[in-house]
């Protein structure tokens, strides 16, 4: 089940490089999407923090979430008060509403029932629920075997969760009262207000000279939620929102906010991501390394130290210090070779260093386009090329398609070319995608594409993954997920001048 830190970190990664803050009801919406951290590793999921890619980042931040994970069972008071409209039932029979609360690590894993019980004649349930970790748990409400409502509820240690509602309009009348939910409600109100403010700014309704002060006001409001509801999901989201706002208007204050709370996982997670990026980009690579070293010096948990060491390896990769990176990952292996949790991250990182480092020629590959052309490492030479590997049904890819289409129209006159390899199981899905959209570049013929070979050759772990090549076929950069936002600055130096 998702821990408090896992859910926060997943949300952080999803949104870190986006130019906007979370949307209204962000916590409620995000929690309803989450089932388990394991889902994040599925082939159809992509989360990104803008460093090396989703599979590296998710792995090490999930390790951070595991640090100090509570071993003992947590408890929360669970109570229900359900009424029945007298117009529906003059006897107002409140008995028999079943509440099933459970956890499930993946869609195919066994269901672990945390609680199952029915309302008594007064429409009441009162119980204590035991669970391993704070998180968002699925809840099903039914009566006489017929489902009424499916939702997720937040469980946290020593909290009290009270449900009230009236049948048959439970979907409209149900209210949840708990410390976590109250914090979510406050966050949602502030988040909705900030969304409106962003819209005013976007349409020019606010004077340019007033924008910074307006943003600072909202950063302070988010920070207030962080301070007022410590340890809650809302607190974590609010800290992230405040940091992201300040990253645009007051980076020194942003760093102060991050650094003042390094004893908790929220701030530490932001420090090794946002803080490290700031120090590296503004003050240079060496300062980024020093910052990570300073973080490592204040943590006592070995797993947290290991997470920071992993980030250091990725920092070498990002800065194109490949030989130093290889030395760093070899040293890392010696330090942590007995840790079974590292095999996924280590194998992928080592593969990137060995075979897909910037400046090396693209490995041999081949596919046939829908136009009947054979595309391989030789045929693409002569123009900067973006190879993309995706699922057409992937939500992130669908969001990015228009942006990529505009980039193609802008830069194709200067030699830029794109080839797409779609990994959807259904060919119908691929063609349905283009029934609704224009297509400007070639895609691989689905029936003739060797998916296994491409996945192995290019170490495809998540969709969409893209590799940008120069006109000689050398790797410029590999982009995973939202890193598409960053590809244009890497492309422009390699375009024709005309």
Protein backbone atom coordinates (compact mmCIF):
# COMPACT_ATOMS: atom_id res chain seq x y z
CA UNK A 1 0.00 0.00 0.00
CA UNK A 2 1.17 3.53 -0.65
CA UNK A 3 2.85 5.12 2.32
CA UNK A 4 2.45 8.80 3.06
CA UNK A 5 5.92 9.48 1.67
CA UNK A 6 5.35 7.34 -1.43
CA UNK A 7 2.23 9.25 -2.45
CA UNK A 8 3.90 12.61 -1.88
CA UNK A 9 7.03 11.62 -3.78
CA UNK A 10 5.01 10.20 -6.68
CA UNK A 11 3.13 13.47 -6.95
CA UNK A 12 6.37 15.45 -6.70
CA UNK A 13 7.89 13.51 -9.57
CA UNK A 14 4.80 13.85 -11.72
CA UNK A 15 4.72 17.62 -11.39
CA UNK A 16 8.22 18.87 -10.73
CA UNK A 17 9.01 20.21 -14.20
CA UNK A 18 5.52 21.39 -15.07
CA UNK A 19 5.05 25.15 -15.32
CA UNK A 20 1.79 25.08 -13.40
CA UNK A 21 0.86 24.15 -9.87
CA UNK A 22 -1.47 21.24 -9.01
CA UNK A 23 -5.02 21.67 -10.29
CA UNK A 24 -8.02 22.26 -7.98
CA UNK A 25 -8.72 19.32 -5.68
CA UNK A 26 -5.26 18.09 -6.56
CA UNK A 27 -4.89 15.85 -3.55
CA UNK A 28 -8.33 14.33 -3.94
CA UNK A 29 -7.73 13.70 -7.64
CA UNK A 30 -4.24 12.31 -7.15
CA UNK A 31 -5.28 10.02 -4.32
CA UNK A 32 -8.16 8.64 -6.37
CA UNK A 33 -5.63 7.71 -9.07
CA UNK A 34 -3.25 5.91 -6.72
CA UNK A 35 -3.47 2.28 -5.77
CA UNK A 36 0.12 1.25 -5.14
CA UNK A 37 3.64 2.42 -5.81
CA UNK A 38 3.95 -0.78 -7.85
CA UNK A 39 1.59 0.62 -10.47
CA UNK A 40 4.16 3.30 -11.14
CA UNK A 41 6.49 0.66 -12.50
CA UNK A 42 3.97 -0.68 -15.04
CA UNK A 43 4.79 -0.29 -18.73
CA UNK A 44 1.88 2.08 -19.24
CA UNK A 45 2.78 4.48 -16.48
CA UNK A 46 5.28 7.28 -16.71
CA UNK A 47 6.41 9.53 -13.94
CA UNK A 48 9.32 11.86 -14.20
CA UNK A 49 11.44 14.18 -12.18
CA UNK A 50 13.63 15.62 -14.93
CA UNK A 51 16.95 14.08 -13.96
CA UNK A 52 17.68 10.83 -15.75
CA UNK A 53 14.28 9.29 -16.18
CA UNK A 54 11.41 7.70 -14.43
CA UNK A 55 12.79 4.27 -13.71
CA UNK A 56 15.90 5.62 -11.98
CA UNK A 57 14.15 8.32 -10.07
CA UNK A 58 11.14 6.39 -8.89
CA UNK A 59 13.33 3.63 -7.62
CA UNK A 60 15.56 5.73 -5.44
CA UNK A 61 12.81 7.97 -4.10
CA UNK A 62 10.72 4.95 -3.21
CA UNK A 63 13.73 3.77 -1.23
CA UNK A 64 13.69 7.10 0.56
CA UNK A 65 10.06 6.48 1.42
CA UNK A 66 11.00 3.08 2.84
CA UNK A 67 13.47 4.62 5.25
CA UNK A 68 12.11 4.54 8.79
CA UNK A 69 9.00 2.76 7.54
CA UNK A 70 6.91 1.83 10.58
CA UNK A 71 7.17 -1.84 11.48
CA UNK A 72 4.24 -1.89 13.91
CA UNK A 73 0.57 -1.92 12.96
CA UNK A 74 -1.13 1.47 12.90
CA UNK A 75 -4.71 2.02 13.99
CA UNK A 76 -7.46 4.47 13.18
CA UNK A 77 -10.99 4.86 14.51
CA UNK A 78 -13.58 4.12 11.81
CA UNK A 79 -17.21 5.15 12.28
CA UNK A 80 -20.29 5.48 10.07
CA UNK A 81 -23.66 7.20 10.46
CA UNK A 82 -26.04 6.52 7.55
CA UNK A 83 -29.62 7.79 7.32
CA UNK A 84 -32.40 6.88 4.89
CA UNK A 85 -34.81 9.37 3.35
CA UNK A 86 -38.32 8.85 4.75
CA UNK A 87 -39.74 9.43 1.28
CA UNK A 88 -37.94 6.26 0.20
CA UNK A 89 -38.60 4.14 3.27
CA UNK A 90 -41.14 5.23 5.87
CA UNK A 91 -39.55 2.83 8.34
CA UNK A 92 -36.19 4.40 7.53
CA UNK A 93 -34.43 1.06 7.62
CA UNK A 94 -30.80 1.96 8.12
CA UNK A 95 -29.53 -1.56 8.53
CA UNK A 96 -27.40 -3.55 6.11
CA UNK A 97 -25.16 -0.93 4.47
CA UNK A 98 -21.89 -2.79 3.99
CA UNK A 99 -18.54 -1.00 4.16
CA UNK A 100 -15.58 -2.93 2.73
CA UNK A 101 -12.14 -1.40 3.22
CA UNK A 102 -9.20 -3.20 1.68
CA UNK A 103 -5.70 -2.91 0.25
CA UNK A 104 -4.34 -4.37 -2.97
CA UNK A 105 -0.76 -3.91 -4.12
CA UNK A 106 -1.53 -4.40 -7.80
CA UNK A 107 -4.61 -5.09 -9.87
CA UNK A 108 -3.71 -8.78 -10.03
CA UNK A 109 -2.52 -9.27 -6.46
CA UNK A 110 -4.70 -10.70 -3.67
CA UNK A 111 -7.03 -8.38 -1.79
CA UNK A 112 -6.20 -7.82 1.87
CA UNK A 113 -9.40 -6.98 3.74
CA UNK A 114 -8.83 -4.36 6.43
CA UNK A 115 -12.45 -4.07 7.51
CA UNK A 116 -15.86 -5.36 6.52
CA UNK A 117 -18.99 -4.54 8.46
CA UNK A 118 -22.65 -3.58 8.17
CA UNK A 119 -24.60 -0.74 9.71
CA UNK A 120 -26.87 -1.64 12.61
CA UNK A 121 -30.53 -0.67 12.92
CA UNK A 122 -29.46 2.88 13.74
CA UNK A 123 -27.29 3.08 10.63
CA UNK A 124 -24.10 3.06 12.65
CA UNK A 125 -20.72 1.36 12.55
CA UNK A 126 -17.99 1.85 15.10
CA UNK A 127 -14.69 0.03 14.83
CA UNK A 128 -10.92 0.32 15.03
CA UNK A 129 -9.03 -0.42 11.81
CA UNK A 130 -5.47 -1.75 11.70
CA UNK A 131 -3.15 -1.06 8.77
CA UNK A 132 0.56 -1.10 8.03
CA UNK A 133 1.09 2.27 6.42
CA UNK A 134 -0.62 5.60 6.06
CA UNK A 135 -2.12 5.89 2.62
CA UNK A 136 -5.13 5.97 0.33
CA UNK A 137 -7.19 2.80 0.66
CA UNK A 138 -10.08 1.60 -1.55
CA UNK A 139 -13.52 1.58 0.08
CA UNK A 140 -16.65 -0.03 -1.36
CA UNK A 141 -20.13 0.74 -0.02
CA UNK A 142 -22.92 -1.67 -0.94
CA UNK A 143 -26.34 -2.90 0.20
CA UNK A 144 -27.94 -6.27 -0.43
CA UNK A 145 -24.99 -7.17 -2.63
CA UNK A 146 -25.43 -4.15 -4.90
CA UNK A 147 -22.53 -1.67 -5.05
CA UNK A 148 -23.50 1.90 -4.19
CA UNK A 149 -20.20 3.77 -4.18
CA UNK A 150 -16.48 3.14 -4.71
CA UNK A 151 -13.95 5.64 -3.39
CA UNK A 152 -10.65 5.98 -1.59
CA UNK A 153 -10.12 7.16 1.94
CA UNK A 154 -7.04 8.40 3.71
CA UNK A 155 -5.88 6.41 6.71
CA UNK A 156 -3.22 7.77 9.03
CA UNK A 157 -2.04 6.61 12.45
CA UNK A 158 -4.24 7.65 15.38
CA UNK A 159 -6.71 9.47 13.13
CA UNK A 160 -10.50 9.18 13.36
CA UNK A 161 -12.53 8.77 10.17
CA UNK A 162 -16.27 9.51 10.34
CA UNK A 163 -18.65 8.90 7.41
CA UNK A 164 -22.07 10.53 7.29
CA UNK A 165 -24.58 10.36 4.46
CA UNK A 166 -28.16 9.82 3.41
CA UNK A 167 -29.47 7.05 1.19
CA UNK A 168 -30.23 6.92 -1.73
CA UNK A 169 -28.17 10.04 -2.53
CA UNK A 170 -25.03 8.80 -0.79
CA UNK A 171 -22.86 9.92 -3.68
CA UNK A 172 -24.03 13.51 -3.18
CA UNK A 173 -24.48 13.57 0.60
CA UNK A 174 -21.56 11.50 1.85
CA UNK A 175 -19.12 13.47 3.97
CA UNK A 176 -15.82 12.29 5.37
CA UNK A 177 -14.48 13.90 8.50
CA UNK A 178 -10.92 13.18 9.62
CA UNK A 179 -7.77 15.14 10.32
CA UNK A 180 -6.40 14.15 6.92
CA UNK A 181 -9.62 15.11 5.15
CA UNK A 182 -9.85 18.47 6.90
CA UNK A 183 -6.32 19.23 5.77
CA UNK A 184 -7.22 18.19 2.22
CA UNK A 185 -10.25 20.48 2.28
CA UNK A 186 -8.12 23.46 3.30
CA UNK A 187 -5.54 22.66 0.65
CA UNK A 188 -8.22 22.32 -2.01
CA UNK A 189 -9.68 25.74 -1.22
CA UNK A 190 -6.29 27.39 -1.47
CA UNK A 191 -5.41 25.43 -4.58
CA UNK A 192 -8.65 26.46 -6.28
CA UNK A 193 -7.92 30.08 -5.45
CA UNK A 194 -4.43 29.83 -6.84
CA UNK A 195 -5.76 28.26 -10.04
CA UNK A 196 -8.04 31.26 -10.52
CA UNK A 197 -5.12 33.60 -9.86
CA UNK A 198 -3.03 31.82 -12.49
CA UNK A 199 -5.80 32.29 -15.02
CA UNK A 200 -5.95 36.01 -14.30
CA UNK A 201 -2.20 36.22 -14.75
CA UNK A 202 -2.36 34.22 -17.99
CA UNK A 203 -4.90 36.58 -19.59
CA UNK A 204 -3.00 39.68 -18.51
CA UNK A 205 -5.57 40.81 -15.94
CA UNK A 206 -2.81 41.45 -13.41
CA UNK A 207 -0.15 44.10 -13.91
CA UNK A 208 3.32 42.69 -14.51
CA UNK A 209 4.65 44.58 -11.51
CA UNK A 210 2.11 42.86 -9.25
CA UNK A 211 2.67 39.28 -10.38
CA UNK A 212 5.60 38.47 -8.09
CA UNK A 213 3.76 39.73 -5.00
CA UNK A 214 0.64 37.79 -5.99
CA UNK A 215 2.62 34.58 -6.39
CA UNK A 216 4.44 35.18 -3.13
CA UNK A 217 1.07 35.51 -1.39
CA UNK A 218 0.00 32.09 -2.61
CA UNK A 219 3.33 30.54 -1.69
CA UNK A 220 2.78 31.82 1.86
CA UNK A 221 -0.74 30.36 1.95
CA UNK A 222 0.55 26.96 0.86
CA UNK A 223 3.30 27.22 3.44
CA UNK A 224 0.67 27.90 6.09
CA UNK A 225 -1.03 24.59 5.26
CA UNK A 226 2.34 22.88 5.52
CA UNK A 227 2.87 24.37 8.97
CA UNK A 228 -0.69 23.92 10.26
CA UNK A 229 -1.15 20.26 9.30
CA UNK A 230 2.26 18.63 9.84
CA UNK A 231 2.59 15.04 8.73
CA UNK A 232 -0.52 15.01 6.55
CA UNK A 233 -0.80 14.39 2.84
CA UNK A 234 -1.99 17.97 2.40
CA UNK A 235 1.08 19.26 4.20
CA UNK A 236 3.33 17.47 1.73
CA UNK A 237 1.48 18.74 -1.32
CA UNK A 238 1.42 22.25 0.09
CA UNK A 239 5.17 22.26 0.70
CA UNK A 240 5.77 21.15 -2.85
CA UNK A 241 3.42 23.81 -4.24
CA UNK A 242 5.12 26.55 -2.22
CA UNK A 243 8.56 25.41 -3.37
CA UNK A 244 7.52 25.32 -7.03
CA UNK A 245 6.07 28.82 -6.88
CA UNK A 246 9.18 30.18 -5.20
CA UNK A 247 11.40 28.45 -7.76
CA UNK A 248 10.19 31.04 -10.28
CA UNK A 249 10.21 34.18 -8.14
CA UNK A 250 12.54 33.76 -5.17
CA UNK A 251 14.95 30.87 -5.38
CA UNK A 252 16.85 31.83 -2.25
CA UNK A 253 13.63 31.73 -0.24
CA UNK A 254 12.83 28.42 -1.94
CA UNK A 255 16.10 26.96 -0.72
CA UNK A 256 15.53 28.33 2.77
CA UNK A 257 12.11 26.69 2.89
CA UNK A 258 13.56 23.37 1.76
CA UNK A 259 16.54 23.48 4.07
CA UNK A 260 14.68 24.50 7.21
CA UNK A 261 12.85 21.18 7.42
CA UNK A 262 15.41 18.61 6.32
CA UNK A 263 14.56 16.36 9.25
CA UNK A 264 11.37 15.27 7.49
CA UNK A 265 10.98 13.24 4.29
CA UNK A 266 9.08 15.95 2.42
CA UNK A 267 11.89 18.47 2.67
CA UNK A 268 14.62 15.88 2.17
CA UNK A 269 12.92 14.65 -1.00
CA UNK A 270 12.69 18.21 -2.31
CA UNK A 271 16.30 18.85 -1.34
CA UNK A 272 17.70 15.92 -3.33
CA UNK A 273 15.56 16.86 -6.35
CA UNK A 274 14.67 20.54 -6.62
CA UNK A 275 17.46 21.71 -4.33
CA UNK A 276 20.12 19.70 -6.09
CA UNK A 277 18.93 20.91 -9.49
CA UNK A 278 19.04 24.53 -8.34
CA UNK A 279 22.54 24.24 -6.90
CA UNK A 280 23.85 22.45 -10.00
CA UNK A 281 22.30 24.75 -12.59
CA UNK A 282 22.87 28.06 -10.84
CA UNK A 283 26.19 27.43 -9.11
CA UNK A 284 27.66 24.66 -11.23
CA UNK A 285 28.26 20.94 -11.02
CA UNK A 286 30.73 21.10 -8.14
CA UNK A 287 28.24 22.96 -5.96
CA UNK A 288 25.61 20.35 -6.78
CA UNK A 289 27.98 17.64 -5.58
CA UNK A 290 28.79 19.60 -2.43
CA UNK A 291 25.10 20.07 -1.71
CA UNK A 292 24.43 16.34 -1.98
CA UNK A 293 27.45 15.68 0.25
CA UNK A 294 26.06 18.11 2.82
CA UNK A 295 22.72 16.30 2.78
CA UNK A 296 24.45 12.98 3.22
CA UNK A 297 26.32 14.31 6.24
CA UNK A 298 23.11 15.07 8.13
CA UNK A 299 21.24 11.81 7.53
CA UNK A 300 21.82 8.89 9.85
CA UNK A 301 19.83 6.24 8.00
CA UNK A 302 21.89 4.08 5.64
CA UNK A 303 19.06 3.88 3.12
CA UNK A 304 18.81 7.65 2.94
CA UNK A 305 22.56 7.85 2.37
CA UNK A 306 22.23 5.33 -0.41
CA UNK A 307 19.49 7.36 -2.09
CA UNK A 308 21.77 10.39 -2.11
CA UNK A 309 24.61 8.31 -3.55
CA UNK A 310 22.29 7.19 -6.33
CA UNK A 311 21.44 10.80 -7.08
CA UNK A 312 25.15 11.59 -7.28
CA UNK A 313 25.65 8.88 -9.91
CA UNK A 314 22.83 10.38 -11.96
CA UNK A 315 24.28 13.85 -11.56
CA UNK A 316 27.50 12.64 -13.20
CA UNK A 317 25.46 11.21 -16.07
CA UNK A 318 23.40 14.37 -16.54
CA UNK A 319 26.51 16.53 -16.61
CA UNK A 320 28.11 14.25 -19.23
CA UNK A 321 30.97 13.34 -16.88
CA UNK A 322 30.77 9.79 -18.12
CA UNK A 323 34.11 8.41 -16.93
CA UNK A 324 33.59 9.87 -13.46
CA UNK A 325 30.09 8.46 -13.54
CA UNK A 326 31.37 4.99 -14.35
CA UNK A 327 33.80 5.23 -11.45
CA UNK A 328 31.00 6.44 -9.23
CA UNK A 329 28.65 3.60 -10.11
CA UNK A 330 31.43 1.05 -9.62
CA UNK A 331 32.11 2.51 -6.19
CA UNK A 332 28.39 2.48 -5.50
CA UNK A 333 28.20 -1.22 -6.33
CA UNK A 334 31.01 -2.01 -3.92
CA UNK A 335 29.23 -0.15 -1.13
CA UNK A 336 25.78 -1.61 -1.66
CA UNK A 337 26.27 -4.87 -3.58
CA UNK A 338 24.47 -6.88 -0.89
CA UNK A 339 21.30 -4.84 -1.22
CA UNK A 340 18.72 -6.80 -3.22
CA UNK A 341 16.58 -3.69 -3.80
CA UNK A 342 19.24 -2.10 -5.99
CA UNK A 343 19.36 -4.54 -8.87
CA UNK A 344 16.72 -2.74 -10.96
CA UNK A 345 18.22 0.72 -10.63
CA UNK A 346 21.83 -0.45 -10.89
CA UNK A 347 21.36 -2.59 -14.01
CA UNK A 348 19.54 0.16 -15.83
CA UNK A 349 22.00 2.85 -14.83
CA UNK A 350 24.96 0.70 -15.84
CA UNK A 351 23.31 -0.04 -19.20
CA UNK A 352 22.89 3.69 -19.82
CA UNK A 353 26.55 4.36 -19.04
CA UNK A 354 27.78 1.51 -21.22
CA UNK A 355 25.57 1.76 -24.29
CA UNK A 356 23.50 4.94 -24.42
CA UNK A 357 25.78 7.71 -23.22
CA UNK A 358 25.62 11.06 -25.04
CA UNK A 359 28.25 11.32 -27.75
CA UNK A 360 28.22 7.63 -28.68
CA UNK A 361 26.71 6.30 -31.90
CA UNK A 362 23.21 4.91 -31.70
CA UNK A 363 23.17 1.08 -31.51
CA UNK A 364 22.14 -0.85 -34.61
CA UNK A 365 18.38 -1.10 -35.10
CA UNK A 366 15.90 -1.52 -37.91
CA UNK A 367 12.20 -1.24 -38.60
CA UNK A 368 9.92 -0.77 -41.60
CA UNK A 369 7.80 2.37 -41.72
CA UNK A 370 4.14 2.41 -42.72
CA UNK A 371 5.32 3.88 -46.03
CA UNK A 372 7.42 0.75 -46.66
CA UNK A 373 10.81 2.39 -45.98
CA UNK A 374 13.47 0.54 -44.03
CA UNK A 375 14.66 2.80 -41.22
CA UNK A 376 17.92 1.99 -39.47
CA UNK A 377 20.95 3.62 -37.86
CA UNK A 378 22.39 4.43 -41.30
CA UNK A 379 19.30 5.75 -43.06
CA UNK A 380 18.63 8.40 -40.43
CA UNK A 381 22.05 10.02 -40.82
CA UNK A 382 22.16 13.47 -42.36
CA UNK A 383 19.60 15.14 -40.11
CA UNK A 384 18.97 15.46 -36.38
CA UNK A 385 16.47 12.77 -35.46
CA UNK A 386 14.10 12.06 -32.60
CA UNK A 387 13.28 8.39 -32.09
CA UNK A 388 10.27 7.91 -29.87
CA UNK A 389 9.00 4.74 -28.22
CA UNK A 390 5.51 4.94 -26.81
CA UNK A 391 2.02 3.63 -26.40
CA UNK A 392 -0.53 5.66 -28.33
CA UNK A 393 -2.96 5.05 -25.49
CA UNK A 394 -0.51 6.57 -23.00
CA UNK A 395 -2.12 9.66 -21.47
CA UNK A 396 1.12 11.60 -21.20
CA UNK A 397 1.97 10.96 -24.85
CA UNK A 398 -1.47 12.17 -25.90
CA UNK A 399 -0.96 15.36 -23.90
CA UNK A 400 2.45 15.93 -25.47
CA UNK A 401 1.53 15.15 -29.07
CA UNK A 402 0.35 18.64 -30.02
CA UNK A 403 3.48 20.20 -28.51
CA UNK A 404 5.69 17.78 -30.43
CA UNK A 405 3.71 18.40 -33.61
CA UNK A 406 4.32 22.16 -33.31
CA UNK A 407 8.03 21.56 -32.70
CA UNK A 408 8.19 19.37 -35.79
CA UNK A 409 6.48 21.99 -37.97
CA UNK A 410 8.89 24.64 -36.69
CA UNK A 411 12.09 22.68 -37.12
CA UNK A 412 11.51 20.18 -39.95
CA UNK A 413 12.37 22.86 -42.57
CA UNK A 414 15.80 22.92 -40.90
CA UNK A 415 16.25 19.17 -41.21
CA UNK A 416 14.61 17.82 -38.05
CA UNK A 417 12.96 14.40 -38.42
CA UNK A 418 10.93 12.15 -36.12
CA UNK A 419 10.21 8.42 -36.17
CA UNK A 420 7.69 6.84 -33.82
CA UNK A 421 7.58 3.23 -32.68
CA UNK A 422 4.21 2.41 -31.09
CA UNK A 423 4.10 -0.54 -28.71
CA UNK A 424 0.33 -0.88 -28.33
CA UNK A 425 -0.89 -4.46 -28.45
CA UNK A 426 -3.82 -3.48 -30.64
CA UNK A 427 -3.10 -2.07 -34.09
CA UNK A 428 -6.59 -0.58 -33.97
CA UNK A 429 -5.52 1.60 -31.04
CA UNK A 430 -2.65 3.02 -33.08
CA UNK A 431 -4.76 3.94 -36.07
CA UNK A 432 -7.57 5.27 -33.88
CA UNK A 433 -5.07 7.73 -32.43
CA UNK A 434 -4.45 9.24 -35.86
CA UNK A 435 -8.11 9.30 -36.82
CA UNK A 436 -8.44 12.15 -34.34
CA UNK A 437 -5.09 13.83 -35.07
CA UNK A 438 -2.94 14.85 -38.02
CA UNK A 439 0.21 12.81 -38.62
CA UNK A 440 3.31 14.57 -39.93
CA UNK A 441 6.06 11.97 -39.62
CA UNK A 442 6.64 8.26 -40.18
CA UNK A 443 5.74 5.55 -37.71
CA UNK A 444 6.89 1.96 -37.63
CA UNK A 445 4.61 -0.58 -39.28
CA UNK A 446 3.12 -2.29 -36.18
CA UNK A 447 2.84 -5.76 -37.69
CA UNK A 448 6.52 -5.78 -38.73
CA UNK A 449 8.09 -4.19 -35.65
CA UNK A 450 10.37 -6.32 -33.45
CA UNK A 451 9.28 -4.94 -30.11
CA UNK A 452 11.50 -7.16 -27.99
CA UNK A 453 14.61 -6.17 -29.89
CA UNK A 454 13.85 -2.45 -29.65
CA UNK A 455 13.11 -2.64 -25.92
CA UNK A 456 16.38 -4.46 -25.28
CA UNK A 457 18.50 -2.28 -27.57
CA UNK A 458 17.29 1.03 -26.18
CA UNK A 459 16.56 -0.06 -22.60
CA UNK A 460 12.93 1.05 -22.80
CA UNK A 461 11.38 0.88 -19.35
CA UNK A 462 8.67 3.53 -19.55
CA UNK A 463 6.58 5.25 -22.15
CA UNK A 464 7.10 7.62 -23.77
CA UNK A 465 10.88 7.38 -24.11
CA UNK A 466 12.68 9.45 -26.74
CA UNK A 467 16.28 9.54 -27.99
CA UNK A 468 17.60 12.61 -29.79
CA UNK A 469 20.41 12.04 -32.30
CA UNK A 470 22.64 14.41 -34.22
CA UNK A 471 23.08 14.26 -37.99
CA UNK A 472 25.93 11.76 -37.60
CA UNK A 473 23.80 9.36 -35.58
CA UNK A 474 25.37 10.18 -32.22
CA UNK A 475 23.21 10.29 -29.11
CA UNK A 476 22.55 13.82 -27.89
CA UNK A 477 20.21 12.92 -25.06
CA UNK A 478 17.66 10.39 -23.88
CA UNK A 479 14.37 11.85 -22.66
CA UNK A 480 11.80 10.04 -20.55
CA UNK A 481 8.29 11.32 -19.92
CA UNK A 482 8.04 15.02 -19.22
CA UNK A 483 11.65 15.52 -20.25
CA UNK A 484 10.19 16.32 -23.66
CA UNK A 485 9.89 19.85 -22.27
CA UNK A 486 13.69 20.01 -22.25
CA UNK A 487 14.55 18.65 -25.69
CA UNK A 488 14.42 21.84 -27.82
CA UNK A 489 17.56 23.47 -26.32
CA UNK A 490 19.43 20.25 -27.11
CA UNK A 491 18.05 20.14 -30.66
CA UNK A 492 18.62 23.73 -31.81
CA UNK A 493 22.45 23.66 -32.03
CA UNK A 494 22.21 20.71 -34.44
CA UNK A 495 19.71 22.22 -36.90
CA UNK A 496 20.60 23.57 -40.33
CA UNK A 497 21.18 27.33 -40.28
CA UNK A 498 18.82 28.16 -43.15
